[in-house]
Amino acid sequence: QVENMAKLKKVFVCQECGHESIRWMGKCPSCNEWNTMVEEIEQASSPRNPIIGHGAVGSSRPVTLEEVSLKEEARQSTGLEELDRVLGGGVVNGSLILIGGDPGIGKSTLILQICESLGKDQNAILYASGEESARQIKMRANRLGVKSANLHLVAETSLDVILAHVEAIKPKFLMIDSIQTMFNPTLSSAPGSVSQVREVTSALMRLA
């Protein structure tokens, strides 16, 4: 029990800018906002990353500048010309893309429309929603005419469970809707907090 306590770290995190402090302060010294410091308990990181796995050092090799290829990477169209233009021509393998906007602006609708195009050529897609049920997503898909047979839906907010589904389905594309609803169970902070968003995003980046 003493050993487990030693792995826990109490820290106060500003929910506006992410500034961390070992003690509570009424005013954040970084963004100058009042009453935004929230106490969080962080689990000490494991020496072995469960996503990258053992032997990750051996999976990469330093290369010289001359060895780096300038060949343009293959991109897959989202089916939306304007979005492809923003992405430089389409989606690149291994990339992490964040779609941001005000509530109700149409982010979920846009993602579902993208799934229709990306789901072609037998490309499996996993759509993890923390805001809607699979039935609600199905109803929206019917309104939009999205009928991709390669689209898998799951209503889930736990990062561990989502990663397990990724391991089982092995999708080419993973849609998270939205990042504010997802949580890493090793952190005590609530979903949507700065620590949770940062950790979950970092884990998804390593996965990609």
N, C-alpha and C. Protein backbone atom coordinates (compact mmCIF):
# COMPACT_ATOMS: atom_id res chain seq x y z
N GLN A 1 0.84 -1.21 0.00
CA GLN A 1 0.00 0.00 0.00
C GLN A 1 0.87 1.26 0.00
N VAL A 2 1.98 1.22 0.76
CA VAL A 2 2.89 2.37 0.79
C VAL A 2 3.48 2.58 -0.59
N GLU A 3 3.80 1.46 -1.28
CA GLU A 3 4.38 1.56 -2.61
C GLU A 3 3.40 2.18 -3.60
N ASN A 4 2.12 1.80 -3.50
CA ASN A 4 1.10 2.36 -4.38
C ASN A 4 0.91 3.84 -4.14
N MET A 5 0.96 4.27 -2.86
CA MET A 5 0.80 5.68 -2.54
C MET A 5 1.93 6.50 -3.12
N ALA A 6 3.13 5.89 -3.18
CA ALA A 6 4.29 6.62 -3.68
C ALA A 6 4.16 6.90 -5.17
N LYS A 7 3.35 6.09 -5.87
CA LYS A 7 3.19 6.27 -7.30
C LYS A 7 2.17 7.35 -7.63
N LEU A 8 1.41 7.81 -6.62
CA LEU A 8 0.40 8.82 -6.85
C LEU A 8 0.98 10.21 -6.63
N LYS A 9 0.56 11.14 -7.45
CA LYS A 9 1.07 12.51 -7.37
C LYS A 9 -0.11 13.47 -7.40
N LYS A 10 -0.21 14.30 -6.35
CA LYS A 10 -1.27 15.31 -6.30
C LYS A 10 -0.77 16.58 -6.97
N VAL A 11 -1.59 17.13 -7.82
CA VAL A 11 -1.21 18.34 -8.53
C VAL A 11 -2.48 19.15 -8.80
N PHE A 12 -2.33 20.48 -8.81
CA PHE A 12 -3.45 21.36 -9.14
C PHE A 12 -3.25 21.85 -10.58
N VAL A 13 -4.28 21.63 -11.40
CA VAL A 13 -4.18 21.94 -12.82
C VAL A 13 -5.22 22.99 -13.21
N CYS A 14 -4.77 24.01 -13.92
CA CYS A 14 -5.68 25.04 -14.42
C CYS A 14 -6.50 24.46 -15.56
N GLN A 15 -7.83 24.56 -15.46
CA GLN A 15 -8.70 24.00 -16.47
C GLN A 15 -8.84 24.89 -17.71
N GLU A 16 -8.17 26.05 -17.68
CA GLU A 16 -8.20 26.94 -18.83
C GLU A 16 -6.96 26.78 -19.70
N CYS A 17 -5.78 26.73 -19.06
CA CYS A 17 -4.54 26.71 -19.85
C CYS A 17 -3.67 25.49 -19.59
N GLY A 18 -3.99 24.69 -18.54
CA GLY A 18 -3.22 23.49 -18.26
C GLY A 18 -2.02 23.70 -17.34
N HIS A 19 -1.87 24.90 -16.80
CA HIS A 19 -0.75 25.16 -15.89
C HIS A 19 -0.86 24.28 -14.65
N GLU A 20 0.26 23.70 -14.23
CA GLU A 20 0.27 22.81 -13.07
C GLU A 20 1.00 23.46 -11.90
N SER A 21 0.51 23.16 -10.69
CA SER A 21 1.11 23.68 -9.47
C SER A 21 0.97 22.65 -8.37
N ILE A 22 1.94 22.62 -7.46
CA ILE A 22 1.87 21.65 -6.36
C ILE A 22 0.94 22.14 -5.25
N ARG A 23 0.50 23.39 -5.33
CA ARG A 23 -0.44 23.92 -4.34
C ARG A 23 -1.55 24.70 -5.03
N TRP A 24 -2.69 24.82 -4.33
CA TRP A 24 -3.82 25.52 -4.91
C TRP A 24 -3.60 27.02 -4.89
N MET A 25 -4.03 27.68 -5.93
CA MET A 25 -3.97 29.15 -6.02
C MET A 25 -5.30 29.65 -6.56
N GLY A 26 -5.76 30.76 -6.02
CA GLY A 26 -7.02 31.32 -6.47
C GLY A 26 -6.95 31.85 -7.88
N LYS A 27 -5.76 32.35 -8.26
CA LYS A 27 -5.57 32.92 -9.59
C LYS A 27 -4.45 32.18 -10.29
N CYS A 28 -4.70 31.71 -11.49
CA CYS A 28 -3.67 31.00 -12.25
C CYS A 28 -2.57 31.97 -12.66
N PRO A 29 -1.31 31.69 -12.34
CA PRO A 29 -0.22 32.60 -12.69
C PRO A 29 0.10 32.62 -14.18
N SER A 30 -0.44 31.67 -14.93
CA SER A 30 -0.14 31.59 -16.35
C SER A 30 -1.15 32.36 -17.19
N CYS A 31 -2.46 32.09 -16.99
CA CYS A 31 -3.48 32.76 -17.80
C CYS A 31 -4.24 33.84 -17.04
N ASN A 32 -3.95 33.97 -15.72
CA ASN A 32 -4.56 34.99 -14.87
C ASN A 32 -6.07 34.83 -14.66
N GLU A 33 -6.58 33.62 -14.90
CA GLU A 33 -7.99 33.36 -14.65
C GLU A 33 -8.19 32.97 -13.19
N TRP A 34 -9.35 33.31 -12.62
CA TRP A 34 -9.63 33.02 -11.22
C TRP A 34 -10.39 31.71 -11.06
N ASN A 35 -10.09 31.00 -9.96
CA ASN A 35 -10.79 29.78 -9.55
C ASN A 35 -10.85 28.71 -10.63
N THR A 36 -9.73 28.53 -11.32
CA THR A 36 -9.67 27.49 -12.37
C THR A 36 -8.75 26.34 -11.97
N MET A 37 -8.10 26.43 -10.79
CA MET A 37 -7.18 25.38 -10.36
C MET A 37 -7.96 24.25 -9.70
N VAL A 38 -7.83 23.04 -10.25
CA VAL A 38 -8.54 21.87 -9.75
C VAL A 38 -7.53 20.80 -9.36
N GLU A 39 -7.74 20.21 -8.18
CA GLU A 39 -6.83 19.17 -7.72
C GLU A 39 -7.04 17.87 -8.51
N GLU A 40 -5.95 17.30 -8.96
CA GLU A 40 -6.00 16.04 -9.68
C GLU A 40 -4.92 15.12 -9.13
N ILE A 41 -5.19 13.83 -9.18
CA ILE A 41 -4.22 12.83 -8.75
C ILE A 41 -3.75 12.08 -9.98
N GLU A 42 -2.45 12.15 -10.23
CA GLU A 42 -1.90 11.50 -11.40
C GLU A 42 -1.17 10.22 -11.00
N GLN A 43 -1.37 9.20 -11.81
CA GLN A 43 -0.68 7.94 -11.60
C GLN A 43 0.69 8.05 -12.26
N ALA A 44 1.72 7.62 -11.53
CA ALA A 44 3.06 7.64 -12.10
C ALA A 44 3.09 6.78 -13.35
N SER A 45 3.70 7.27 -14.42
CA SER A 45 3.73 6.51 -15.65
C SER A 45 4.56 5.25 -15.53
N SER A 46 4.08 4.22 -16.22
CA SER A 46 4.75 2.93 -16.20
C SER A 46 6.00 2.98 -17.04
N PRO A 47 7.05 2.24 -16.67
CA PRO A 47 8.26 2.23 -17.47
C PRO A 47 8.05 1.62 -18.84
N ARG A 48 6.96 0.86 -18.99
CA ARG A 48 6.67 0.27 -20.28
C ARG A 48 5.37 0.80 -20.81
N ASN A 49 5.38 1.34 -22.02
CA ASN A 49 4.20 1.90 -22.63
C ASN A 49 3.35 0.78 -23.21
N PRO A 50 2.09 0.60 -22.73
CA PRO A 50 1.27 -0.51 -23.20
C PRO A 50 0.88 -0.40 -24.67
N ILE A 51 0.91 0.83 -25.23
CA ILE A 51 0.52 0.99 -26.62
C ILE A 51 1.70 0.71 -27.54
N ILE A 52 2.86 1.29 -27.19
CA ILE A 52 4.03 1.10 -28.03
C ILE A 52 4.59 -0.31 -27.85
N GLY A 53 4.59 -0.78 -26.60
CA GLY A 53 5.02 -2.15 -26.35
C GLY A 53 6.51 -2.29 -26.15
N HIS A 54 6.91 -3.48 -25.74
CA HIS A 54 8.30 -3.76 -25.45
C HIS A 54 9.09 -3.80 -26.76
N GLY A 55 10.29 -3.29 -26.72
CA GLY A 55 11.14 -3.32 -27.91
C GLY A 55 10.87 -2.19 -28.87
N ALA A 56 10.24 -1.12 -28.40
CA ALA A 56 9.90 -0.01 -29.28
C ALA A 56 11.14 0.70 -29.80
N VAL A 57 12.21 0.69 -29.00
CA VAL A 57 13.45 1.36 -29.42
C VAL A 57 13.99 0.71 -30.69
N GLY A 58 13.87 -0.62 -30.75
CA GLY A 58 14.39 -1.33 -31.91
C GLY A 58 13.54 -1.17 -33.15
N SER A 59 12.34 -0.60 -33.03
CA SER A 59 11.46 -0.47 -34.18
C SER A 59 11.75 0.78 -35.00
N SER A 60 12.60 1.67 -34.49
CA SER A 60 12.95 2.87 -35.22
C SER A 60 14.46 2.90 -35.44
N ARG A 61 14.86 3.59 -36.52
CA ARG A 61 16.28 3.67 -36.85
C ARG A 61 16.60 5.07 -37.35
N PRO A 62 17.60 5.70 -36.75
CA PRO A 62 18.00 7.02 -37.24
C PRO A 62 18.49 6.93 -38.68
N VAL A 63 18.15 7.93 -39.48
CA VAL A 63 18.59 7.96 -40.88
C VAL A 63 19.31 9.27 -41.14
N THR A 64 20.13 9.27 -42.17
CA THR A 64 20.82 10.49 -42.55
C THR A 64 19.88 11.34 -43.39
N LEU A 65 20.23 12.60 -43.54
CA LEU A 65 19.38 13.52 -44.31
C LEU A 65 19.23 13.04 -45.74
N GLU A 66 20.29 12.45 -46.32
CA GLU A 66 20.24 11.99 -47.70
C GLU A 66 19.30 10.80 -47.88
N GLU A 67 19.09 10.03 -46.81
CA GLU A 67 18.22 8.85 -46.90
C GLU A 67 16.74 9.19 -46.85
N VAL A 68 16.41 10.40 -46.41
CA VAL A 68 15.00 10.79 -46.30
C VAL A 68 14.42 11.02 -47.69
N SER A 69 13.33 10.31 -47.98
CA SER A 69 12.70 10.41 -49.30
C SER A 69 11.78 11.62 -49.37
N LEU A 70 11.82 12.31 -50.49
CA LEU A 70 10.94 13.45 -50.72
C LEU A 70 9.70 13.04 -51.52
N LYS A 71 9.54 11.73 -51.71
CA LYS A 71 8.38 11.24 -52.43
C LYS A 71 7.11 11.59 -51.67
N GLU A 72 6.15 12.15 -52.37
CA GLU A 72 4.92 12.60 -51.74
C GLU A 72 4.12 11.41 -51.19
N GLU A 73 3.66 11.56 -49.95
CA GLU A 73 2.92 10.47 -49.32
C GLU A 73 1.54 10.32 -49.94
N ALA A 74 1.11 9.06 -50.01
CA ALA A 74 -0.22 8.78 -50.57
C ALA A 74 -1.29 9.32 -49.63
N ARG A 75 -2.27 9.96 -50.17
CA ARG A 75 -3.36 10.52 -49.37
C ARG A 75 -4.69 9.94 -49.84
N GLN A 76 -5.60 9.78 -48.91
CA GLN A 76 -6.92 9.27 -49.26
C GLN A 76 -7.94 10.38 -49.13
N SER A 77 -8.74 10.54 -50.16
CA SER A 77 -9.73 11.62 -50.19
C SER A 77 -10.82 11.38 -49.16
N THR A 78 -11.29 12.46 -48.55
CA THR A 78 -12.39 12.39 -47.59
C THR A 78 -13.74 12.43 -48.29
N GLY A 79 -13.71 12.67 -49.59
CA GLY A 79 -14.96 12.80 -50.34
C GLY A 79 -15.50 14.22 -50.34
N LEU A 80 -14.86 15.10 -49.59
CA LEU A 80 -15.25 16.51 -49.51
C LEU A 80 -14.10 17.37 -50.02
N GLU A 81 -14.31 18.03 -51.14
CA GLU A 81 -13.24 18.76 -51.81
C GLU A 81 -12.60 19.82 -50.93
N GLU A 82 -13.42 20.60 -50.21
CA GLU A 82 -12.89 21.67 -49.37
C GLU A 82 -12.06 21.11 -48.21
N LEU A 83 -12.52 20.00 -47.62
CA LEU A 83 -11.77 19.40 -46.52
C LEU A 83 -10.46 18.81 -47.02
N ASP A 84 -10.48 18.19 -48.19
CA ASP A 84 -9.24 17.67 -48.77
C ASP A 84 -8.23 18.79 -48.98
N ARG A 85 -8.72 19.95 -49.39
CA ARG A 85 -7.84 21.10 -49.62
C ARG A 85 -7.20 21.55 -48.31
N VAL A 86 -7.99 21.57 -47.23
CA VAL A 86 -7.45 21.95 -45.92
C VAL A 86 -6.40 20.95 -45.45
N LEU A 87 -6.61 19.67 -45.74
CA LEU A 87 -5.70 18.62 -45.31
C LEU A 87 -4.52 18.42 -46.27
N GLY A 88 -4.42 19.27 -47.27
CA GLY A 88 -3.30 19.16 -48.20
C GLY A 88 -3.49 18.09 -49.25
N GLY A 89 -4.73 17.66 -49.47
CA GLY A 89 -4.98 16.66 -50.50
C GLY A 89 -5.69 15.43 -50.00
N GLY A 90 -5.86 15.31 -48.69
CA GLY A 90 -6.54 14.14 -48.14
C GLY A 90 -5.89 13.68 -46.85
N VAL A 91 -6.30 12.50 -46.38
CA VAL A 91 -5.81 11.96 -45.12
C VAL A 91 -4.54 11.15 -45.35
N VAL A 92 -3.53 11.39 -44.52
CA VAL A 92 -2.25 10.66 -44.59
C VAL A 92 -2.24 9.56 -43.55
N ASN A 93 -1.72 8.40 -43.91
CA ASN A 93 -1.61 7.29 -42.96
C ASN A 93 -0.80 7.72 -41.73
N GLY A 94 -1.27 7.32 -40.55
CA GLY A 94 -0.54 7.62 -39.32
C GLY A 94 -0.76 9.01 -38.78
N SER A 95 -1.68 9.76 -39.38
CA SER A 95 -1.90 11.15 -38.93
C SER A 95 -3.01 11.21 -37.89
N LEU A 96 -2.95 12.27 -37.09
CA LEU A 96 -3.98 12.55 -36.08
C LEU A 96 -4.59 13.90 -36.43
N ILE A 97 -5.89 13.92 -36.68
CA ILE A 97 -6.56 15.15 -37.12
C ILE A 97 -7.60 15.55 -36.09
N LEU A 98 -7.56 16.79 -35.65
CA LEU A 98 -8.53 17.32 -34.70
C LEU A 98 -9.49 18.26 -35.42
N ILE A 99 -10.78 17.96 -35.32
CA ILE A 99 -11.81 18.83 -35.89
C ILE A 99 -12.46 19.59 -34.74
N GLY A 100 -12.31 20.90 -34.74
CA GLY A 100 -12.82 21.73 -33.65
C GLY A 100 -13.90 22.67 -34.11
N GLY A 101 -14.74 23.09 -33.17
CA GLY A 101 -15.80 24.03 -33.50
C GLY A 101 -16.79 24.16 -32.36
N ASP A 102 -17.64 25.16 -32.42
CA ASP A 102 -18.64 25.39 -31.38
C ASP A 102 -19.65 24.24 -31.34
N PRO A 103 -20.31 24.03 -30.20
CA PRO A 103 -21.34 22.99 -30.10
C PRO A 103 -22.45 23.20 -31.12
N GLY A 104 -22.87 22.13 -31.78
CA GLY A 104 -23.97 22.20 -32.73
C GLY A 104 -23.59 22.71 -34.10
N ILE A 105 -22.29 22.91 -34.34
CA ILE A 105 -21.88 23.47 -35.63
C ILE A 105 -21.87 22.42 -36.74
N GLY A 106 -21.88 21.13 -36.35
CA GLY A 106 -21.95 20.07 -37.36
C GLY A 106 -20.73 19.17 -37.43
N LYS A 107 -19.95 19.09 -36.34
CA LYS A 107 -18.74 18.26 -36.36
C LYS A 107 -19.08 16.78 -36.52
N SER A 108 -20.06 16.30 -35.76
CA SER A 108 -20.44 14.88 -35.85
C SER A 108 -21.01 14.54 -37.21
N THR A 109 -21.78 15.46 -37.78
CA THR A 109 -22.34 15.25 -39.11
C THR A 109 -21.23 15.17 -40.15
N LEU A 110 -20.24 16.06 -40.03
CA LEU A 110 -19.11 16.07 -40.95
C LEU A 110 -18.34 14.75 -40.87
N ILE A 111 -18.09 14.29 -39.65
CA ILE A 111 -17.34 13.04 -39.46
C ILE A 111 -18.07 11.87 -40.10
N LEU A 112 -19.39 11.83 -39.94
CA LEU A 112 -20.18 10.73 -40.50
C LEU A 112 -20.15 10.77 -42.02
N GLN A 113 -20.19 11.96 -42.60
CA GLN A 113 -20.10 12.08 -44.05
C GLN A 113 -18.74 11.60 -44.55
N ILE A 114 -17.70 11.89 -43.80
CA ILE A 114 -16.36 11.45 -44.18
C ILE A 114 -16.29 9.92 -44.17
N CYS A 115 -16.96 9.30 -43.20
CA CYS A 115 -16.94 7.84 -43.07
C CYS A 115 -17.46 7.15 -44.32
N GLU A 116 -18.44 7.75 -44.98
CA GLU A 116 -19.02 7.15 -46.18
C GLU A 116 -17.96 7.01 -47.27
N SER A 117 -17.12 8.03 -47.42
CA SER A 117 -16.08 8.00 -48.45
C SER A 117 -14.89 7.14 -48.02
N LEU A 118 -14.46 7.29 -46.77
CA LEU A 118 -13.29 6.54 -46.30
C LEU A 118 -13.58 5.05 -46.17
N GLY A 119 -14.87 4.67 -46.05
CA GLY A 119 -15.23 3.27 -45.87
C GLY A 119 -15.19 2.46 -47.15
N LYS A 120 -14.92 3.11 -48.26
CA LYS A 120 -14.83 2.38 -49.54
C LYS A 120 -13.54 1.56 -49.60
N ASP A 121 -13.47 0.68 -50.57
CA ASP A 121 -12.27 -0.16 -50.77
C ASP A 121 -11.99 -1.03 -49.56
N GLN A 122 -13.05 -1.46 -48.86
CA GLN A 122 -12.93 -2.38 -47.73
C GLN A 122 -12.13 -1.80 -46.56
N ASN A 123 -12.10 -0.49 -46.42
CA ASN A 123 -11.41 0.15 -45.29
C ASN A 123 -12.31 0.14 -44.06
N ALA A 124 -11.91 -0.59 -43.02
CA ALA A 124 -12.70 -0.65 -41.80
C ALA A 124 -12.57 0.65 -41.01
N ILE A 125 -13.68 1.13 -40.45
CA ILE A 125 -13.70 2.36 -39.65
C ILE A 125 -14.36 2.04 -38.32
N LEU A 126 -13.73 2.50 -37.23
CA LEU A 126 -14.34 2.38 -35.91
C LEU A 126 -14.74 3.78 -35.45
N TYR A 127 -16.02 3.95 -35.19
CA TYR A 127 -16.55 5.24 -34.74
C TYR A 127 -16.92 5.09 -33.27
N ALA A 128 -16.12 5.70 -32.39
CA ALA A 128 -16.36 5.63 -30.94
C ALA A 128 -17.01 6.93 -30.49
N SER A 129 -18.24 6.83 -29.99
CA SER A 129 -18.98 8.03 -29.59
C SER A 129 -19.22 8.03 -28.09
N GLY A 130 -18.87 9.13 -27.45
CA GLY A 130 -19.14 9.29 -26.03
C GLY A 130 -20.31 10.23 -25.79
N GLU A 131 -20.94 10.68 -26.87
CA GLU A 131 -22.02 11.65 -26.75
C GLU A 131 -23.36 11.09 -27.22
N GLU A 132 -23.34 10.09 -28.10
CA GLU A 132 -24.58 9.53 -28.63
C GLU A 132 -24.53 8.01 -28.61
N SER A 133 -25.71 7.40 -28.63
CA SER A 133 -25.80 5.95 -28.71
C SER A 133 -25.64 5.52 -30.17
N ALA A 134 -25.42 4.22 -30.36
CA ALA A 134 -25.29 3.70 -31.72
C ALA A 134 -26.58 3.93 -32.51
N ARG A 135 -27.72 3.86 -31.83
CA ARG A 135 -29.00 4.08 -32.50
C ARG A 135 -29.13 5.52 -32.99
N GLN A 136 -28.69 6.47 -32.18
CA GLN A 136 -28.75 7.88 -32.59
C GLN A 136 -27.86 8.14 -33.80
N ILE A 137 -26.69 7.51 -33.80
CA ILE A 137 -25.77 7.66 -34.93
C ILE A 137 -26.37 7.05 -36.18
N LYS A 138 -27.02 5.89 -36.02
CA LYS A 138 -27.68 5.22 -37.15
C LYS A 138 -28.76 6.11 -37.74
N MET A 139 -29.54 6.78 -36.90
CA MET A 139 -30.60 7.66 -37.38
C MET A 139 -30.02 8.82 -38.18
N ARG A 140 -28.91 9.39 -37.72
CA ARG A 140 -28.27 10.47 -38.46
C ARG A 140 -27.71 9.95 -39.78
N ALA A 141 -27.13 8.76 -39.74
CA ALA A 141 -26.57 8.17 -40.95
C ALA A 141 -27.66 7.97 -42.01
N ASN A 142 -28.84 7.55 -41.58
CA ASN A 142 -29.94 7.37 -42.52
C ASN A 142 -30.35 8.69 -43.16
N ARG A 143 -30.35 9.77 -42.35
CA ARG A 143 -30.71 11.09 -42.89
C ARG A 143 -29.68 11.57 -43.91
N LEU A 144 -28.42 11.22 -43.69
CA LEU A 144 -27.33 11.67 -44.56
C LEU A 144 -27.08 10.73 -45.72
N GLY A 145 -27.73 9.56 -45.71
CA GLY A 145 -27.52 8.59 -46.76
C GLY A 145 -26.21 7.83 -46.62
N VAL A 146 -25.69 7.74 -45.40
CA VAL A 146 -24.46 7.00 -45.14
C VAL A 146 -24.81 5.54 -44.91
N LYS A 147 -24.27 4.66 -45.76
CA LYS A 147 -24.62 3.25 -45.69
C LYS A 147 -23.40 2.34 -45.74
N SER A 148 -22.24 2.85 -45.36
CA SER A 148 -21.02 2.06 -45.44
C SER A 148 -21.11 0.80 -44.58
N ALA A 149 -20.86 -0.35 -45.20
CA ALA A 149 -20.90 -1.63 -44.48
C ALA A 149 -19.64 -1.83 -43.64
N ASN A 150 -18.64 -0.99 -43.84
CA ASN A 150 -17.37 -1.12 -43.13
C ASN A 150 -17.28 -0.22 -41.90
N LEU A 151 -18.39 0.44 -41.57
CA LEU A 151 -18.41 1.36 -40.43
C LEU A 151 -18.89 0.63 -39.17
N HIS A 152 -18.04 0.57 -38.15
CA HIS A 152 -18.36 -0.08 -36.88
C HIS A 152 -18.64 1.00 -35.83
N LEU A 153 -19.74 0.89 -35.11
CA LEU A 153 -20.12 1.88 -34.10
C LEU A 153 -19.99 1.31 -32.70
N VAL A 154 -19.51 2.14 -31.76
CA VAL A 154 -19.47 1.75 -30.35
C VAL A 154 -19.68 3.00 -29.50
N ALA A 155 -20.60 2.90 -28.54
CA ALA A 155 -20.83 3.99 -27.60
C ALA A 155 -19.96 3.74 -26.38
N GLU A 156 -18.85 4.44 -26.28
CA GLU A 156 -17.86 4.16 -25.24
C GLU A 156 -17.04 5.41 -24.93
N THR A 157 -16.64 5.55 -23.66
CA THR A 157 -15.81 6.69 -23.26
C THR A 157 -14.47 6.28 -22.65
N SER A 158 -14.30 5.00 -22.32
CA SER A 158 -13.05 4.54 -21.73
C SER A 158 -12.00 4.29 -22.80
N LEU A 159 -10.85 4.92 -22.66
CA LEU A 159 -9.78 4.76 -23.64
C LEU A 159 -9.32 3.31 -23.72
N ASP A 160 -9.22 2.63 -22.59
CA ASP A 160 -8.77 1.24 -22.57
C ASP A 160 -9.70 0.34 -23.38
N VAL A 161 -11.00 0.54 -23.23
CA VAL A 161 -11.98 -0.28 -23.96
C VAL A 161 -11.89 0.01 -25.46
N ILE A 162 -11.75 1.28 -25.81
CA ILE A 162 -11.64 1.65 -27.23
C ILE A 162 -10.40 1.04 -27.86
N LEU A 163 -9.28 1.07 -27.14
CA LEU A 163 -8.04 0.48 -27.66
C LEU A 163 -8.18 -1.02 -27.83
N ALA A 164 -8.95 -1.65 -26.94
CA ALA A 164 -9.20 -3.10 -27.07
C ALA A 164 -10.01 -3.38 -28.33
N HIS A 165 -10.99 -2.53 -28.63
CA HIS A 165 -11.78 -2.69 -29.87
C HIS A 165 -10.90 -2.47 -31.10
N VAL A 166 -9.99 -1.52 -31.01
CA VAL A 166 -9.06 -1.27 -32.12
C VAL A 166 -8.21 -2.50 -32.38
N GLU A 167 -7.74 -3.12 -31.31
CA GLU A 167 -6.92 -4.33 -31.44
C GLU A 167 -7.71 -5.46 -32.08
N ALA A 168 -8.99 -5.55 -31.75
CA ALA A 168 -9.83 -6.64 -32.27
C ALA A 168 -10.25 -6.40 -33.73
N ILE A 169 -10.68 -5.18 -34.02
CA ILE A 169 -11.19 -4.87 -35.37
C ILE A 169 -10.08 -4.50 -36.34
N LYS A 170 -9.03 -3.88 -35.80
CA LYS A 170 -7.92 -3.37 -36.61
C LYS A 170 -8.41 -2.45 -37.74
N PRO A 171 -9.10 -1.38 -37.38
CA PRO A 171 -9.63 -0.46 -38.40
C PRO A 171 -8.52 0.38 -39.03
N LYS A 172 -8.75 0.82 -40.25
CA LYS A 172 -7.79 1.73 -40.87
C LYS A 172 -8.01 3.16 -40.37
N PHE A 173 -9.26 3.46 -39.97
CA PHE A 173 -9.59 4.79 -39.46
C PHE A 173 -10.31 4.67 -38.13
N LEU A 174 -9.97 5.56 -37.20
CA LEU A 174 -10.63 5.61 -35.90
C LEU A 174 -11.20 7.01 -35.71
N MET A 175 -12.50 7.09 -35.48
CA MET A 175 -13.16 8.38 -35.24
C MET A 175 -13.54 8.46 -33.76
N ILE A 176 -13.13 9.53 -33.09
CA ILE A 176 -13.46 9.76 -31.68
C ILE A 176 -14.38 10.97 -31.58
N ASP A 177 -15.56 10.78 -31.02
CA ASP A 177 -16.54 11.86 -30.93
C ASP A 177 -17.15 11.90 -29.52
N SER A 178 -16.69 12.78 -28.67
CA SER A 178 -15.61 13.72 -28.91
C SER A 178 -14.49 13.49 -27.90
N ILE A 179 -13.37 14.16 -28.09
CA ILE A 179 -12.21 13.95 -27.23
C ILE A 179 -12.50 14.37 -25.79
N GLN A 180 -13.44 15.32 -25.59
CA GLN A 180 -13.76 15.79 -24.24
C GLN A 180 -14.50 14.75 -23.41
N THR A 181 -15.10 13.76 -24.06
CA THR A 181 -15.86 12.74 -23.32
C THR A 181 -15.02 11.52 -22.98
N MET A 182 -13.82 11.41 -23.56
CA MET A 182 -12.99 10.23 -23.34
C MET A 182 -12.16 10.38 -22.06
N PHE A 183 -11.83 9.24 -21.43
CA PHE A 183 -11.01 9.32 -20.22
C PHE A 183 -10.05 8.14 -20.13
N ASN A 184 -8.92 8.42 -19.52
CA ASN A 184 -7.92 7.40 -19.21
C ASN A 184 -8.16 6.98 -17.76
N PRO A 185 -8.50 5.72 -17.50
CA PRO A 185 -8.85 5.30 -16.14
C PRO A 185 -7.72 5.39 -15.13
N THR A 186 -6.47 5.57 -15.60
CA THR A 186 -5.36 5.69 -14.66
C THR A 186 -5.29 7.07 -14.04
N LEU A 187 -6.07 8.03 -14.58
CA LEU A 187 -6.11 9.38 -14.03
C LEU A 187 -7.40 9.57 -13.25
N SER A 188 -7.31 10.29 -12.13
CA SER A 188 -8.48 10.51 -11.29
C SER A 188 -9.33 11.68 -11.75
N SER A 189 -8.80 12.51 -12.62
CA SER A 189 -9.53 13.70 -13.07
C SER A 189 -10.70 13.32 -13.98
N ALA A 190 -11.67 14.21 -14.07
CA ALA A 190 -12.89 13.95 -14.82
C ALA A 190 -12.65 14.09 -16.32
N PRO A 191 -13.46 13.39 -17.14
CA PRO A 191 -13.38 13.57 -18.60
C PRO A 191 -13.58 15.03 -18.97
N GLY A 192 -12.80 15.51 -19.92
CA GLY A 192 -12.90 16.89 -20.34
C GLY A 192 -11.91 17.81 -19.65
N SER A 193 -11.28 17.32 -18.56
CA SER A 193 -10.28 18.14 -17.89
C SER A 193 -9.02 18.22 -18.75
N VAL A 194 -8.19 19.19 -18.45
CA VAL A 194 -6.96 19.39 -19.24
C VAL A 194 -6.10 18.14 -19.22
N SER A 195 -5.95 17.52 -18.05
CA SER A 195 -5.11 16.33 -17.93
C SER A 195 -5.65 15.18 -18.77
N GLN A 196 -6.97 14.95 -18.71
CA GLN A 196 -7.56 13.85 -19.47
C GLN A 196 -7.44 14.08 -20.98
N VAL A 197 -7.76 15.27 -21.44
CA VAL A 197 -7.68 15.56 -22.87
C VAL A 197 -6.24 15.40 -23.36
N ARG A 198 -5.30 15.87 -22.56
CA ARG A 198 -3.89 15.77 -22.94
C ARG A 198 -3.42 14.33 -23.01
N GLU A 199 -3.76 13.53 -21.99
CA GLU A 199 -3.30 12.15 -21.93
C GLU A 199 -3.97 11.28 -23.00
N VAL A 200 -5.28 11.45 -23.18
CA VAL A 200 -5.99 10.66 -24.18
C VAL A 200 -5.50 11.00 -25.58
N THR A 201 -5.30 12.28 -25.87
CA THR A 201 -4.80 12.69 -27.17
C THR A 201 -3.41 12.13 -27.42
N SER A 202 -2.56 12.17 -26.40
CA SER A 202 -1.20 11.63 -26.51
C SER A 202 -1.23 10.14 -26.80
N ALA A 203 -2.13 9.42 -26.14
CA ALA A 203 -2.25 7.98 -26.38
C ALA A 203 -2.72 7.68 -27.79
N LEU A 204 -3.66 8.47 -28.28
CA LEU A 204 -4.15 8.29 -29.65
C LEU A 204 -3.08 8.62 -30.69
N MET A 205 -2.22 9.60 -30.36
CA MET A 205 -1.13 9.95 -31.26
C MET A 205 -0.14 8.80 -31.36
N ARG A 206 0.17 8.17 -30.23
CA ARG A 206 1.08 7.02 -30.25
C ARG A 206 0.46 5.85 -31.00
N LEU A 207 -0.84 5.67 -30.83
CA LEU A 207 -1.54 4.61 -31.54
C LEU A 207 -1.48 4.82 -33.04
N ALA A 208 -1.72 6.05 -33.48
CA ALA A 208 -1.68 6.37 -34.91
C ALA A 208 -0.28 6.15 -35.48
